[in-house]
Amino acid sequence: MLSLPCPFHFVTGLYCPGCGGTRALLALLSGNVKESLYYHPFVLYMVVAVGIETGLWVWGRIRHRPVKGFEKRYRFWTIGALAIVGINWIFKNYMLIVKGTALL
């Protein structure tokens, strides 16, 4: 697979918070969920979040009443996304720096 190098990784030698995202998306589009999670769990998380929100929107349209609580769910999805990206970033750089294992 030919792709552009990550400028953050090129300059610092560390993984950026989004490193692996493109590979994760391509793996998910190929139907390989496990590989997608390995590269970057945020991609699958967003697919699930968008799927649930779309389902709730469709359900509200069918009932002719919007499903309430979007602001609260939006906050939940955002905090979850930030946690996943942060934990993934810390873990991959920990493995790279401390253990000497390049995960990507």
PDB file of N, CA and C in Angstrom:
ATOM      1  N   MET A   1       0.846  -1.178   0.000  1.00  0.00           N
ATOM      2  CA  MET A   1       0.000   0.000   0.000  1.00  0.00           C
ATOM      3  C   MET A   1       0.891   1.242   0.000  1.00  0.00           C
ATOM      4  N   LEU A   2       0.637   2.131  -0.914  1.00  0.00           N
ATOM      5  CA  LEU A   2       1.395   3.364  -1.038  1.00  0.00           C
ATOM      6  C   LEU A   2       0.635   4.475  -0.334  1.00  0.00           C
ATOM      7  N   SER A   3       1.296   5.123   0.603  1.00  0.00           N
ATOM      8  CA  SER A   3       0.639   6.223   1.315  1.00  0.00           C
ATOM      9  C   SER A   3       1.671   7.285   1.670  1.00  0.00           C
ATOM     10  N   LEU A   4       1.179   8.450   2.026  1.00  0.00           N
ATOM     11  CA  LEU A   4       2.061   9.539   2.433  1.00  0.00           C
ATOM     12  C   LEU A   4       2.563   9.286   3.845  1.00  0.00           C
ATOM     13  N   PRO A   5       3.828   9.605   4.108  1.00  0.00           N
ATOM     14  CA  PRO A   5       4.346   9.415   5.458  1.00  0.00           C
ATOM     15  C   PRO A   5       3.759  10.458   6.418  1.00  0.00           C
ATOM     16  N   CYS A   6       3.682  10.085   7.661  1.00  0.00           N
ATOM     17  CA  CYS A   6       3.178  10.990   8.698  1.00  0.00           C
ATOM     18  C   CYS A   6       4.270  12.014   9.023  1.00  0.00           C
ATOM     19  N   PRO A   7       3.983  13.323   8.862  1.00  0.00           N
ATOM     20  CA  PRO A   7       4.999  14.337   9.157  1.00  0.00           C
ATOM     21  C   PRO A   7       5.435  14.328  10.628  1.00  0.00           C
ATOM     22  N   PHE A   8       4.498  14.096  11.536  1.00  0.00           N
ATOM     23  CA  PHE A   8       4.816  14.053  12.960  1.00  0.00           C
ATOM     24  C   PHE A   8       5.809  12.922  13.244  1.00  0.00           C
ATOM     25  N   HIS A   9       5.534  11.748  12.685  1.00  0.00           N
ATOM     26  CA  HIS A   9       6.415  10.595  12.881  1.00  0.00           C
ATOM     27  C   HIS A   9       7.766  10.826  12.207  1.00  0.00           C
ATOM     28  N   PHE A  10       7.756  11.451  11.050  1.00  0.00           N
ATOM     29  CA  PHE A  10       8.985  11.734  10.320  1.00  0.00           C
ATOM     30  C   PHE A  10       9.905  12.658  11.122  1.00  0.00           C
ATOM     31  N   VAL A  11       9.336  13.690  11.748  1.00  0.00           N
ATOM     32  CA  VAL A  11      10.122  14.682  12.493  1.00  0.00           C
ATOM     33  C   VAL A  11      10.539  14.163  13.867  1.00  0.00           C
ATOM     34  N   THR A  12       9.603  13.542  14.604  1.00  0.00           N
ATOM     35  CA  THR A  12       9.863  13.162  15.993  1.00  0.00           C
ATOM     36  C   THR A  12      10.286  11.715  16.176  1.00  0.00           C
ATOM     37  N   GLY A  13       9.901  10.860  15.242  1.00  0.00           N
ATOM     38  CA  GLY A  13      10.157   9.428  15.416  1.00  0.00           C
ATOM     39  C   GLY A  13       9.093   8.749  16.256  1.00  0.00           C
ATOM     40  N   LEU A  14       8.132   9.523  16.737  1.00  0.00           N
ATOM     41  CA  LEU A  14       7.030   8.990  17.544  1.00  0.00           C
ATOM     42  C   LEU A  14       5.764   8.904  16.697  1.00  0.00           C
ATOM     43  N   TYR A  15       4.815   8.115  17.169  1.00  0.00           N
ATOM     44  CA  TYR A  15       3.533   8.037  16.484  1.00  0.00           C
ATOM     45  C   TYR A  15       2.684   9.251  16.845  1.00  0.00           C
ATOM     46  N   CYS A  16       1.943   9.748  15.878  1.00  0.00           N
ATOM     47  CA  CYS A  16       1.002  10.839  16.162  1.00  0.00           C
ATOM     48  C   CYS A  16      -0.305  10.218  16.656  1.00  0.00           C
ATOM     49  N   PRO A  17      -1.210  11.007  17.223  1.00  0.00           N
ATOM     50  CA  PRO A  17      -2.476  10.443  17.716  1.00  0.00           C
ATOM     51  C   PRO A  17      -3.307   9.756  16.628  1.00  0.00           C
ATOM     52  N   GLY A  18      -3.106  10.110  15.376  1.00  0.00           N
ATOM     53  CA  GLY A  18      -3.894   9.511  14.301  1.00  0.00           C
ATOM     54  C   GLY A  18      -3.174   8.426  13.530  1.00  0.00           C
ATOM     55  N   CYS A  19      -1.917   8.147  13.878  1.00  0.00           N
ATOM     56  CA  CYS A  19      -1.155   7.133  13.147  1.00  0.00           C
ATOM     57  C   CYS A  19      -1.882   5.790  13.171  1.00  0.00           C
ATOM     58  N   GLY A  20      -2.025   5.218  11.996  1.00  0.00           N
ATOM     59  CA  GLY A  20      -2.709   3.941  11.854  1.00  0.00           C
ATOM     60  C   GLY A  20      -4.157   4.092  11.431  1.00  0.00           C
ATOM     61  N   GLY A  21      -4.664   5.318  11.411  1.00  0.00           N
ATOM     62  CA  GLY A  21      -6.066   5.547  11.075  1.00  0.00           C
ATOM     63  C   GLY A  21      -6.419   5.144   9.653  1.00  0.00           C
ATOM     64  N   THR A  22      -5.557   5.475   8.704  1.00  0.00           N
ATOM     65  CA  THR A  22      -5.821   5.122   7.308  1.00  0.00           C
ATOM     66  C   THR A  22      -5.776   3.609   7.128  1.00  0.00           C
ATOM     67  N   ARG A  23      -4.798   2.975   7.729  1.00  0.00           N
ATOM     68  CA  ARG A  23      -4.710   1.512   7.654  1.00  0.00           C
ATOM     69  C   ARG A  23      -5.919   0.859   8.308  1.00  0.00           C
ATOM     70  N   ALA A  24      -6.370   1.435   9.428  1.00  0.00           N
ATOM     71  CA  ALA A  24      -7.540   0.895  10.117  1.00  0.00           C
ATOM     72  C   ALA A  24      -8.786   1.010   9.242  1.00  0.00           C
ATOM     73  N   LEU A  25      -8.941   2.137   8.575  1.00  0.00           N
ATOM     74  CA  LEU A  25     -10.094   2.331   7.695  1.00  0.00           C
ATOM     75  C   LEU A  25     -10.050   1.350   6.525  1.00  0.00           C
ATOM     76  N   LEU A  26      -8.892   1.194   5.911  1.00  0.00           N
ATOM     77  CA  LEU A  26      -8.760   0.262   4.795  1.00  0.00           C
ATOM     78  C   LEU A  26      -9.018  -1.180   5.241  1.00  0.00           C
ATOM     79  N   ALA A  27      -8.529  -1.541   6.422  1.00  0.00           N
ATOM     80  CA  ALA A  27      -8.776  -2.889   6.946  1.00  0.00           C
ATOM     81  C   ALA A  27     -10.264  -3.101   7.203  1.00  0.00           C
ATOM     82  N   LEU A  28     -10.926  -2.099   7.763  1.00  0.00           N
ATOM     83  CA  LEU A  28     -12.353  -2.208   8.037  1.00  0.00           C
ATOM     84  C   LEU A  28     -13.149  -2.308   6.743  1.00  0.00           C
ATOM     85  N   LEU A  29     -12.773  -1.531   5.741  1.00  0.00           N
ATOM     86  CA  LEU A  29     -13.458  -1.603   4.447  1.00  0.00           C
ATOM     87  C   LEU A  29     -13.230  -2.955   3.771  1.00  0.00           C
ATOM     88  N   SER A  30     -12.147  -3.630   4.115  1.00  0.00           N
ATOM     89  CA  SER A  30     -11.878  -4.967   3.587  1.00  0.00           C
ATOM     90  C   SER A  30     -12.578  -6.046   4.407  1.00  0.00           C
ATOM     91  N   GLY A  31     -13.239  -5.636   5.493  1.00  0.00           N
ATOM     92  CA  GLY A  31     -13.957  -6.594   6.330  1.00  0.00           C
ATOM     93  C   GLY A  31     -13.127  -7.196   7.442  1.00  0.00           C
ATOM     94  N   ASN A  32     -11.932  -6.692   7.660  1.00  0.00           N
ATOM     95  CA  ASN A  32     -11.056  -7.228   8.688  1.00  0.00           C
ATOM     96  C   ASN A  32     -11.144  -6.356   9.943  1.00  0.00           C
ATOM     97  N   VAL A  33     -12.117  -6.658  10.790  1.00  0.00           N
ATOM     98  CA  VAL A  33     -12.389  -5.856  11.988  1.00  0.00           C
ATOM     99  C   VAL A  33     -11.237  -5.946  12.983  1.00  0.00           C
ATOM    100  N   LYS A  34     -10.704  -7.132  13.185  1.00  0.00           N
ATOM    101  CA  LYS A  34      -9.623  -7.322  14.156  1.00  0.00           C
ATOM    102  C   LYS A  34      -8.387  -6.500  13.769  1.00  0.00           C
ATOM    103  N   GLU A  35      -8.038  -6.546  12.489  1.00  0.00           N
ATOM    104  CA  GLU A  35      -6.892  -5.776  12.012  1.00  0.00           C
ATOM    105  C   GLU A  35      -7.154  -4.274  12.137  1.00  0.00           C
ATOM    106  N   SER A  36      -8.377  -3.858  11.869  1.00  0.00           N
ATOM    107  CA  SER A  36      -8.749  -2.451  12.005  1.00  0.00           C
ATOM    108  C   SER A  36      -8.576  -1.986  13.453  1.00  0.00           C
ATOM    109  N   LEU A  37      -9.029  -2.796  14.396  1.00  0.00           N
ATOM    110  CA  LEU A  37      -8.862  -2.456  15.813  1.00  0.00           C
ATOM    111  C   LEU A  37      -7.389  -2.371  16.189  1.00  0.00           C
ATOM    112  N   TYR A  38      -6.577  -3.250  15.619  1.00  0.00           N
ATOM    113  CA  TYR A  38      -5.153  -3.241  15.907  1.00  0.00           C
ATOM    114  C   TYR A  38      -4.504  -1.933  15.448  1.00  0.00           C
ATOM    115  N   TYR A  39      -4.830  -1.508  14.233  1.00  0.00           N
ATOM    116  CA  TYR A  39      -4.209  -0.299  13.704  1.00  0.00           C
ATOM    117  C   TYR A  39      -4.670   0.951  14.435  1.00  0.00           C
ATOM    118  N   HIS A  40      -5.975   1.105  14.638  1.00  0.00           N
ATOM    119  CA  HIS A  40      -6.488   2.259  15.386  1.00  0.00           C
ATOM    120  C   HIS A  40      -7.950   2.024  15.757  1.00  0.00           C
ATOM    121  N   PRO A  41      -8.255   1.823  17.030  1.00  0.00           N
ATOM    122  CA  PRO A  41      -9.620   1.508  17.455  1.00  0.00           C
ATOM    123  C   PRO A  41     -10.614   2.652  17.241  1.00  0.00           C
ATOM    124  N   PHE A  42     -10.125   3.856  17.040  1.00  0.00           N
ATOM    125  CA  PHE A  42     -11.007   5.009  16.852  1.00  0.00           C
ATOM    126  C   PHE A  42     -11.899   4.841  15.624  1.00  0.00           C
ATOM    127  N   VAL A  43     -11.379   4.222  14.575  1.00  0.00           N
ATOM    128  CA  VAL A  43     -12.143   4.079  13.329  1.00  0.00           C
ATOM    129  C   VAL A  43     -13.403   3.246  13.569  1.00  0.00           C
ATOM    130  N   LEU A  44     -13.260   2.103  14.208  1.00  0.00           N
ATOM    131  CA  LEU A  44     -14.428   1.266  14.489  1.00  0.00           C
ATOM    132  C   LEU A  44     -15.370   1.960  15.472  1.00  0.00           C
ATOM    133  N   TYR A  45     -14.805   2.656  16.446  1.00  0.00           N
ATOM    134  CA  TYR A  45     -15.614   3.408  17.407  1.00  0.00           C
ATOM    135  C   TYR A  45     -16.500   4.424  16.684  1.00  0.00           C
ATOM    136  N   MET A  46     -15.929   5.130  15.720  1.00  0.00           N
ATOM    137  CA  MET A  46     -16.711   6.125  14.984  1.00  0.00           C
ATOM    138  C   MET A  46     -17.783   5.475  14.118  1.00  0.00           C
ATOM    139  N   VAL A  47     -17.481   4.341  13.528  1.00  0.00           N
ATOM    140  CA  VAL A  47     -18.484   3.623  12.736  1.00  0.00           C
ATOM    141  C   VAL A  47     -19.660   3.231  13.626  1.00  0.00           C
ATOM    142  N   VAL A  48     -19.362   2.732  14.814  1.00  0.00           N
ATOM    143  CA  VAL A  48     -20.420   2.346  15.750  1.00  0.00           C
ATOM    144  C   VAL A  48     -21.209   3.576  16.197  1.00  0.00           C
ATOM    145  N   ALA A  49     -20.509   4.657  16.556  1.00  0.00           N
ATOM    146  CA  ALA A  49     -21.178   5.874  17.022  1.00  0.00           C
ATOM    147  C   ALA A  49     -22.080   6.460  15.942  1.00  0.00           C
ATOM    148  N   VAL A  50     -21.576   6.566  14.730  1.00  0.00           N
ATOM    149  CA  VAL A  50     -22.379   7.116  13.632  1.00  0.00           C
ATOM    150  C   VAL A  50     -23.546   6.186  13.322  1.00  0.00           C
ATOM    151  N   GLY A  51     -23.315   4.891  13.388  1.00  0.00           N
ATOM    152  CA  GLY A  51     -24.392   3.926  13.153  1.00  0.00           C
ATOM    153  C   GLY A  51     -25.511   4.050  14.173  1.00  0.00           C
ATOM    154  N   ILE A  52     -25.141   4.174  15.438  1.00  0.00           N
ATOM    155  CA  ILE A  52     -26.155   4.320  16.492  1.00  0.00           C
ATOM    156  C   ILE A  52     -26.908   5.628  16.329  1.00  0.00           C
ATOM    157  N   GLU A  53     -26.194   6.717  16.115  1.00  0.00           N
ATOM    158  CA  GLU A  53     -26.855   8.016  15.966  1.00  0.00           C
ATOM    159  C   GLU A  53     -27.754   8.047  14.728  1.00  0.00           C
ATOM    160  N   THR A  54     -27.310   7.424  13.648  1.00  0.00           N
ATOM    161  CA  THR A  54     -28.141   7.358  12.444  1.00  0.00           C
ATOM    162  C   THR A  54     -29.385   6.519  12.705  1.00  0.00           C
ATOM    163  N   GLY A  55     -29.202   5.410  13.393  1.00  0.00           N
ATOM    164  CA  GLY A  55     -30.350   4.570  13.763  1.00  0.00           C
ATOM    165  C   GLY A  55     -31.351   5.317  14.625  1.00  0.00           C
ATOM    166  N   LEU A  56     -30.866   6.085  15.589  1.00  0.00           N
ATOM    167  CA  LEU A  56     -31.760   6.872  16.440  1.00  0.00           C
ATOM    168  C   LEU A  56     -32.478   7.958  15.635  1.00  0.00           C
ATOM    169  N   TRP A  57     -31.768   8.557  14.704  1.00  0.00           N
ATOM    170  CA  TRP A  57     -32.389   9.586  13.861  1.00  0.00           C
ATOM    171  C   TRP A  57     -33.493   8.976  13.002  1.00  0.00           C
ATOM    172  N   VAL A  58     -33.213   7.818  12.389  1.00  0.00           N
ATOM    173  CA  VAL A  58     -34.219   7.136  11.569  1.00  0.00           C
ATOM    174  C   VAL A  58     -35.407   6.736  12.425  1.00  0.00           C
ATOM    175  N   TRP A  59     -35.147   6.215  13.620  1.00  0.00           N
ATOM    176  CA  TRP A  59     -36.220   5.832  14.547  1.00  0.00           C
ATOM    177  C   TRP A  59     -37.096   7.040  14.883  1.00  0.00           C
ATOM    178  N   GLY A  60     -36.484   8.178  15.111  1.00  0.00           N
ATOM    179  CA  GLY A  60     -37.250   9.397  15.383  1.00  0.00           C
ATOM    180  C   GLY A  60     -38.075   9.838  14.193  1.00  0.00           C
ATOM    181  N   ARG A  61     -37.532   9.691  12.998  1.00  0.00           N
ATOM    182  CA  ARG A  61     -38.276  10.048  11.778  1.00  0.00           C
ATOM    183  C   ARG A  61     -39.470   9.121  11.567  1.00  0.00           C
ATOM    184  N   ILE A  62     -39.281   7.845  11.851  1.00  0.00           N
ATOM    185  CA  ILE A  62     -40.381   6.883  11.710  1.00  0.00           C
ATOM    186  C   ILE A  62     -41.500   7.215  12.683  1.00  0.00           C
ATOM    187  N   ARG A  63     -41.151   7.554  13.905  1.00  0.00           N
ATOM    188  CA  ARG A  63     -42.148   7.882  14.939  1.00  0.00           C
ATOM    189  C   ARG A  63     -42.677   9.304  14.819  1.00  0.00           C
ATOM    190  N   HIS A  64     -42.063  10.122  13.967  1.00  0.00           N
ATOM    191  CA  HIS A  64     -42.411  11.541  13.809  1.00  0.00           C
ATOM    192  C   HIS A  64     -42.152  12.344  15.078  1.00  0.00           C
ATOM    193  N   ARG A  65     -41.210  11.847  15.885  1.00  0.00           N
ATOM    194  CA  ARG A  65     -40.756  12.558  17.089  1.00  0.00           C
ATOM    195  C   ARG A  65     -39.258  12.336  17.207  1.00  0.00           C
ATOM    196  N   PRO A  66     -38.485  13.414  17.214  1.00  0.00           N
ATOM    197  CA  PRO A  66     -37.032  13.225  17.331  1.00  0.00           C
ATOM    198  C   PRO A  66     -36.659  12.602  18.684  1.00  0.00           C
ATOM    199  N   VAL A  67     -35.640  11.767  18.665  1.00  0.00           N
ATOM    200  CA  VAL A  67     -35.135  11.164  19.893  1.00  0.00           C
ATOM    201  C   VAL A  67     -34.360  12.231  20.639  1.00  0.00           C
ATOM    202  N   LYS A  68     -34.716  12.439  21.899  1.00  0.00           N
ATOM    203  CA  LYS A  68     -34.089  13.505  22.685  1.00  0.00           C
ATOM    204  C   LYS A  68     -32.763  13.052  23.277  1.00  0.00           C
ATOM    205  N   GLY A  69     -31.992  14.008  23.746  1.00  0.00           N
ATOM    206  CA  GLY A  69     -30.752  13.731  24.455  1.00  0.00           C
ATOM    207  C   GLY A  69     -29.517  13.736  23.588  1.00  0.00           C
ATOM    208  N   PHE A  70     -29.598  14.341  22.402  1.00  0.00           N
ATOM    209  CA  PHE A  70     -28.437  14.335  21.512  1.00  0.00           C
ATOM    210  C   PHE A  70     -27.242  15.021  22.155  1.00  0.00           C
ATOM    211  N   GLU A  71     -27.462  16.125  22.856  1.00  0.00           N
ATOM    212  CA  GLU A  71     -26.339  16.862  23.465  1.00  0.00           C
ATOM    213  C   GLU A  71     -25.595  15.991  24.470  1.00  0.00           C
ATOM    214  N   LYS A  72     -26.335  15.242  25.262  1.00  0.00           N
ATOM    215  CA  LYS A  72     -25.713  14.370  26.250  1.00  0.00           C
ATOM    216  C   LYS A  72     -24.967  13.221  25.566  1.00  0.00           C
ATOM    217  N   ARG A  73     -25.581  12.639  24.542  1.00  0.00           N
ATOM    218  CA  ARG A  73     -24.915  11.567  23.799  1.00  0.00           C
ATOM    219  C   ARG A  73     -23.690  12.100  23.069  1.00  0.00           C
ATOM    220  N   TYR A  74     -23.768  13.305  22.522  1.00  0.00           N
ATOM    221  CA  TYR A  74     -22.636  13.910  21.821  1.00  0.00           C
ATOM    222  C   TYR A  74     -21.448  14.064  22.774  1.00  0.00           C
ATOM    223  N   ARG A  75     -21.727  14.517  23.976  1.00  0.00           N
ATOM    224  CA  ARG A  75     -20.672  14.660  24.991  1.00  0.00           C
ATOM    225  C   ARG A  75     -20.058  13.290  25.303  1.00  0.00           C
ATOM    226  N   PHE A  76     -20.911  12.281  25.446  1.00  0.00           N
ATOM    227  CA  PHE A  76     -20.444  10.920  25.717  1.00  0.00           C
ATOM    228  C   PHE A  76     -19.554  10.412  24.580  1.00  0.00           C
ATOM    229  N   TRP A  77     -20.008  10.557  23.337  1.00  0.00           N
ATOM    230  CA  TRP A  77     -19.225  10.104  22.180  1.00  0.00           C
ATOM    231  C   TRP A  77     -17.893  10.846  22.096  1.00  0.00           C
ATOM    232  N   THR A  78     -17.910  12.146  22.362  1.00  0.00           N
ATOM    233  CA  THR A  78     -16.683  12.947  22.275  1.00  0.00           C
ATOM    234  C   THR A  78     -15.669  12.538  23.333  1.00  0.00           C
ATOM    235  N   ILE A  79     -16.118  12.365  24.569  1.00  0.00           N
ATOM    236  CA  ILE A  79     -15.209  11.952  25.640  1.00  0.00           C
ATOM    237  C   ILE A  79     -14.658  10.560  25.349  1.00  0.00           C
ATOM    238  N   GLY A  80     -15.492   9.670  24.874  1.00  0.00           N
ATOM    239  CA  GLY A  80     -15.041   8.331  24.509  1.00  0.00           C
ATOM    240  C   GLY A  80     -14.004   8.374  23.404  1.00  0.00           C
ATOM    241  N   ALA A  81     -14.246   9.201  22.394  1.00  0.00           N
ATOM    242  CA  ALA A  81     -13.302   9.316  21.272  1.00  0.00           C
ATOM    243  C   ALA A  81     -11.962   9.859  21.747  1.00  0.00           C
ATOM    244  N   LEU A  82     -11.991  10.902  22.554  1.00  0.00           N
ATOM    245  CA  LEU A  82     -10.743  11.476  23.069  1.00  0.00           C
ATOM    246  C   LEU A  82      -9.981  10.469  23.924  1.00  0.00           C
ATOM    247  N   ALA A  83     -10.707   9.693  24.720  1.00  0.00           N
ATOM    248  CA  ALA A  83     -10.064   8.672  25.559  1.00  0.00           C
ATOM    249  C   ALA A  83      -9.415   7.595  24.698  1.00  0.00           C
ATOM    250  N   ILE A  84     -10.126   7.134  23.685  1.00  0.00           N
ATOM    251  CA  ILE A  84      -9.571   6.096  22.808  1.00  0.00           C
ATOM    252  C   ILE A  84      -8.332   6.598  22.085  1.00  0.00           C
ATOM    253  N   VAL A  85      -8.399   7.781  21.522  1.00  0.00           N
ATOM    254  CA  VAL A  85      -7.250   8.334  20.795  1.00  0.00           C
ATOM    255  C   VAL A  85      -6.069   8.535  21.747  1.00  0.00           C
ATOM    256  N   GLY A  86      -6.332   9.084  22.926  1.00  0.00           N
ATOM    257  CA  GLY A  86      -5.258   9.334  23.893  1.00  0.00           C
ATOM    258  C   GLY A  86      -4.610   8.059  24.396  1.00  0.00           C
ATOM    259  N   ILE A  87      -5.418   7.084  24.774  1.00  0.00           N
ATOM    260  CA  ILE A  87      -4.878   5.814  25.278  1.00  0.00           C
ATOM    261  C   ILE A  87      -4.108   5.093  24.180  1.00  0.00           C
ATOM    262  N   ASN A  88      -4.655   5.076  22.975  1.00  0.00           N
ATOM    263  CA  ASN A  88      -3.984   4.438  21.847  1.00  0.00           C
ATOM    264  C   ASN A  88      -2.630   5.106  21.573  1.00  0.00           C
ATOM    265  N   TRP A  89      -2.614   6.429  21.594  1.00  0.00           N
ATOM    266  CA  TRP A  89      -1.387   7.188  21.337  1.00  0.00           C
ATOM    267  C   TRP A  89      -0.322   6.886  22.398  1.00  0.00           C
ATOM    268  N   ILE A  90      -0.718   6.914  23.655  1.00  0.00           N
ATOM    269  CA  ILE A  90       0.212   6.648  24.753  1.00  0.00           C
ATOM    270  C   ILE A  90       0.729   5.213  24.668  1.00  0.00           C
ATOM    271  N   PHE A  91      -0.176   4.264  24.432  1.00  0.00           N
ATOM    272  CA  PHE A  91       0.233   2.855  24.382  1.00  0.00           C
ATOM    273  C   PHE A  91       1.214   2.588  23.240  1.00  0.00           C
ATOM    274  N   LYS A  92       0.906   3.083  22.052  1.00  0.00           N
ATOM    275  CA  LYS A  92       1.787   2.830  20.902  1.00  0.00           C
ATOM    276  C   LYS A  92       3.158   3.467  21.101  1.00  0.00           C
ATOM    277  N   ASN A  93       3.207   4.672  21.654  1.00  0.00           N
ATOM    278  CA  ASN A  93       4.500   5.312  21.898  1.00  0.00           C
ATOM    279  C   ASN A  93       5.245   4.658  23.058  1.00  0.00           C
ATOM    280  N   TYR A  94       4.514   4.171  24.054  1.00  0.00           N
ATOM    281  CA  TYR A  94       5.135   3.411  25.145  1.00  0.00           C
ATOM    282  C   TYR A  94       5.811   2.156  24.581  1.00  0.00           C
ATOM    283  N   MET A  95       5.081   1.439  23.745  1.00  0.00           N
ATOM    284  CA  MET A  95       5.651   0.229  23.150  1.00  0.00           C
ATOM    285  C   MET A  95       6.869   0.561  22.288  1.00  0.00           C
ATOM    286  N   LEU A  96       6.810   1.691  21.604  1.00  0.00           N
ATOM    287  CA  LEU A  96       7.918   2.093  20.731  1.00  0.00           C
ATOM    288  C   LEU A  96       9.148   2.515  21.550  1.00  0.00           C
ATOM    289  N   ILE A  97       8.942   3.362  22.548  1.00  0.00           N
ATOM    290  CA  ILE A  97      10.062   3.931  23.311  1.00  0.00           C
ATOM    291  C   ILE A  97      10.596   2.956  24.353  1.00  0.00           C
ATOM    292  N   VAL A  98       9.704   2.406  25.183  1.00  0.00           N
ATOM    293  CA  VAL A  98      10.140   1.580  26.315  1.00  0.00           C
ATOM    294  C   VAL A  98      10.453   0.154  25.891  1.00  0.00           C
ATOM    295  N   LYS A  99       9.580  -0.441  25.109  1.00  0.00           N
ATOM    296  CA  LYS A  99       9.741  -1.845  24.721  1.00  0.00           C
ATOM    297  C   LYS A  99      10.508  -2.036  23.423  1.00  0.00           C
ATOM    298  N   GLY A 100      10.650  -0.954  22.642  1.00  0.00           N
ATOM    299  CA  GLY A 100      11.363  -1.053  21.371  1.00  0.00           C
ATOM    300  C   GLY A 100      10.596  -1.801  20.293  1.00  0.00           C
ATOM    301  N   THR A 101       9.262  -1.853  20.425  1.00  0.00           N
ATOM    302  CA  THR A 101       8.421  -2.566  19.467  1.00  0.00           C
ATOM    303  C   THR A 101       7.635  -1.566  18.642  1.00  0.00           C
ATOM    304  N   ALA A 102       7.890  -1.550  17.338  1.00  0.00           N
ATOM    305  CA  ALA A 102       7.149  -0.682  16.431  1.00  0.00           C
ATOM    306  C   ALA A 102       5.852  -1.394  16.050  1.00  0.00           C
ATOM    307  N   LEU A 103       4.720  -0.839  16.439  1.00  0.00           N
ATOM    308  CA  LEU A 103       3.433  -1.476  16.186  1.00  0.00           C
ATOM    309  C   LEU A 103       2.866  -1.165  14.811  1.00  0.00           C
ATOM    310  N   LEU A 104       3.381  -0.145  14.158  1.00  0.00           N
ATOM    311  CA  LEU A 104       2.892   0.197  12.815  1.00  0.00           C
ATOM    312  C   LEU A 104       4.009   0.126  11.812  1.00  0.00           C
TER     313      LEU A 104
END
